[in-house]
Structures are given as structure tokens and as C-alpha cells.
Protein backbone atom coordinates (compact mmCIF):
# COMPACT_ATOMS: atom_id res chain seq x y z
CA MET A 1 11.92 -26.91 3.90
CA ASP A 2 11.59 -26.75 7.69
CA PHE A 3 7.83 -26.76 8.32
CA ALA A 4 8.35 -26.67 12.09
CA LEU A 5 10.21 -23.36 11.67
CA ILE A 6 7.43 -21.98 9.48
CA GLU A 7 4.80 -22.95 12.07
CA LYS A 8 6.87 -21.35 14.84
CA LEU A 9 7.20 -18.13 12.81
CA MET A 10 3.44 -18.15 12.13
CA ARG A 11 2.72 -18.42 15.87
CA MET A 12 5.19 -15.60 16.58
CA LEU A 13 3.45 -13.36 14.02
CA GLU A 14 -0.01 -14.19 15.42
CA GLN A 15 1.08 -13.31 18.96
CA SER A 16 2.77 -10.05 17.97
CA SER A 17 1.44 -6.70 16.82
CA LEU A 18 3.46 -6.94 13.58
CA ASN A 19 1.73 -7.11 10.20
CA GLU A 20 4.56 -8.83 8.35
CA LEU A 21 7.54 -11.04 9.08
CA ASP A 22 10.37 -11.54 6.57
CA VAL A 23 13.22 -13.93 7.52
CA THR A 24 16.21 -14.92 5.39
CA GLU A 25 18.58 -17.63 6.58
CA GLY A 26 20.99 -19.86 4.69
CA GLY A 27 19.65 -18.96 1.26
CA MET A 28 16.02 -19.56 2.28
CA ARG A 29 13.55 -16.69 2.60
CA ILE A 30 10.23 -16.90 4.43
CA ARG A 31 7.78 -14.01 4.25
CA LEU A 32 4.61 -14.09 6.31
CA ALA A 33 2.00 -11.33 6.25
CA ARG A 34 -1.01 -10.90 8.46
CA GLN A 35 -4.21 -10.67 6.45
CA ASN A 36 -6.35 -7.97 8.01
CA ARG A 37 -10.05 -8.51 7.64
CA GLY A 38 -10.82 -4.83 8.16
CA GLN A 39 -8.58 -2.05 7.09
CA PRO A 40 -5.48 -2.58 4.96
CA SER A 41 -2.28 -2.48 7.02
CA GLY A 42 -0.81 0.90 7.77
CA ILE A 43 -4.05 2.83 7.34
CA LEU A 44 -6.06 4.46 10.10
CA PRO A 45 -9.07 6.69 9.59
CA VAL A 46 -8.41 10.28 10.62
CA ALA A 47 -11.26 11.83 12.56
CA ARG A 48 -11.94 15.52 12.15
CA PRO A 49 -13.49 17.50 15.02
CA ALA A 50 -17.23 17.96 14.57
CA GLU A 51 -16.95 21.75 14.92
CA GLN A 52 -14.39 21.96 12.09
CA ALA A 53 -16.24 22.84 8.90
CA VAL A 54 -14.94 21.09 5.81
CA PRO A 55 -15.53 23.06 2.60
CA GLU A 56 -17.53 21.22 -0.07
CA ALA A 57 -14.56 21.26 -2.48
CA ARG A 58 -12.40 19.45 0.10
CA SER A 59 -15.06 17.02 1.29
CA ARG A 60 -13.76 14.46 -1.21
CA GLN A 61 -10.34 14.51 0.48
CA ALA A 62 -9.38 11.60 2.74
CA ALA A 63 -6.28 11.19 4.88
CA ILE A 64 -4.14 8.07 4.92
CA ALA A 65 -2.32 7.80 8.23
CA ALA A 66 0.41 5.63 9.69
CA GLY A 67 -0.83 2.58 11.55
CA MET A 68 2.41 2.15 13.49
CA ALA A 69 5.55 3.92 14.60
CA GLY A 70 8.57 3.66 12.33
CA THR A 71 10.47 5.20 9.44
CA PHE A 72 8.53 6.30 6.34
CA TYR A 73 9.95 5.44 2.91
CA ARG A 74 8.43 6.56 -0.40
CA SER A 75 10.31 4.00 -2.55
CA PRO A 76 11.05 0.27 -2.31
CA SER A 77 14.83 0.82 -2.06
CA PRO A 78 17.34 3.69 -2.01
CA GLY A 79 17.61 5.31 -5.44
CA ALA A 80 14.44 3.64 -6.76
CA ALA A 81 11.48 5.62 -8.05
CA PRO A 82 8.83 6.43 -5.42
CA PHE A 83 5.69 4.32 -5.29
CA VAL A 84 3.56 7.46 -5.89
CA ASP A 85 3.92 11.19 -6.45
CA ILE A 86 1.48 14.06 -6.14
CA GLY A 87 -1.08 13.62 -8.92
CA THR A 88 -0.68 9.83 -9.15
CA GLU A 89 -3.97 8.00 -9.63
CA VAL A 90 -4.26 5.05 -7.26
CA ARG A 91 -6.65 2.15 -6.81
CA GLU A 92 -7.70 0.58 -3.54
CA GLY A 93 -4.92 -1.78 -2.45
CA ASP A 94 -2.11 -0.03 -4.37
CA GLN A 95 1.08 0.32 -2.35
CA LEU A 96 1.87 3.95 -1.57
CA ALA A 97 4.89 3.67 0.73
CA ILE A 98 6.67 1.55 3.34
CA ILE A 99 6.96 1.97 7.08
CA GLU A 100 10.00 0.23 8.52
CA ALA A 101 9.51 -0.87 12.11
CA MET A 102 12.00 -3.11 13.93
CA LYS A 103 13.70 -4.07 10.65
CA MET A 104 10.31 -5.14 9.21
CA LEU A 105 8.98 -3.47 6.06
CA ASN A 106 5.24 -2.81 6.32
CA PRO A 107 3.39 -1.64 3.21
CA VAL A 108 1.13 1.40 3.30
CA GLU A 109 -1.75 0.78 0.90
CA ALA A 110 -4.53 2.94 -0.50
CA ASP A 111 -7.87 2.23 1.16
CA ARG A 112 -9.84 3.73 -1.74
CA ASP A 113 -9.54 4.81 -5.37
CA GLY A 114 -8.40 8.39 -5.93
CA VAL A 115 -5.60 10.81 -6.72
CA ILE A 116 -2.71 11.64 -4.38
CA ARG A 117 -3.02 15.36 -3.53
CA THR A 118 -0.41 15.79 -0.78
CA ILE A 119 2.48 13.85 0.70
CA GLN A 120 2.87 15.02 4.30
CA ILE A 121 6.10 13.27 5.39
CA GLU A 122 9.61 13.52 3.98
CA ASP A 123 11.29 10.31 2.82
CA GLY A 124 13.10 8.78 5.79
CA GLY A 125 11.00 10.70 8.32
CA SER A 126 9.78 9.24 11.60
CA VAL A 127 6.07 8.55 12.03
CA GLU A 128 3.79 7.55 14.89
CA PRO A 129 0.38 5.85 14.72
CA GLY A 130 -2.08 8.39 13.34
CA THR A 131 0.53 10.56 11.57
CA VAL A 132 -1.06 11.70 8.30
CA LEU A 133 1.08 10.46 5.40
CA PHE A 134 -1.04 11.29 2.34
CA GLU A 135 -4.18 13.13 1.39
CA ILE A 136 -6.10 11.49 -1.40
CA GLU A 137 -8.95 13.00 -3.43
CA THR A 138 -11.57 10.33 -3.82
CA ARG A 139 -13.67 9.84 -6.90
């Protein structure tokens, strides 16, 4: 195992805005993922304007938004079952989707326990930072 290569890849990841780096060469695979100390990767809070009234019944809804630009995928590979569907109960940290950016697959994870109520983006659709991907009803 080439530890110098691993260290070089770690430095590259630290200096970039990427959350994950996955390299395969000559039968060896190295996967490095940035460990965020705040929010899980791919999740940004969605602010609602102060003047917009949110009905009490919907106040338990939270949006999960894209943290980066890329292509949104609901399943781990073509033809595979989606990570979640409408009505799926999820726990904080569960993977909900993937955003592919620059050939890197970045997981979108739930930032709270709840139930998926809406899926806002079609599989294979383009997203930008802040694009709402899911609405989740919290417990």
C-alpha cells in the first residue's frame, strides 16, 4: 500500500471543497470522506421568509436541500431500488440520495428522524446548492 499516495490524496481533499474522494487504480481502491463536525454533507437549512406564515400542521415539515451543484440520483446504481420513497421512515444519518459532482458521489443524508413527505427532484436532475430535494415530517 502506497502511504505517500494516501497522504497526498488526504491533502488534496483537505484543500478542496469536496466531501468525498474515491480513487481506483490497478486493483486498489481508496475512499476518503471529509467528516463534517456540523451538518451532514449535502444538507443545508432552508430559511423561510419571516412574513410567510407556516400553518401549524406543516410546522413539523423540514426541507433537505442540496449542499452542492451536481446530478441528483435516488438510487445507488441504475436499476437499483431508490434509497427512499414518499412515506419512508428515516433516522438521522440515513442516506437518502446521491449527488454526483465531478465524478464524485456525495451522499445526501437525513439530518433528523422523520418521514419523507415529498421528493422535489426527478432522478438524474440537476441541482444547485440550496435546491430543495426532500421535505421530511419530523417527529
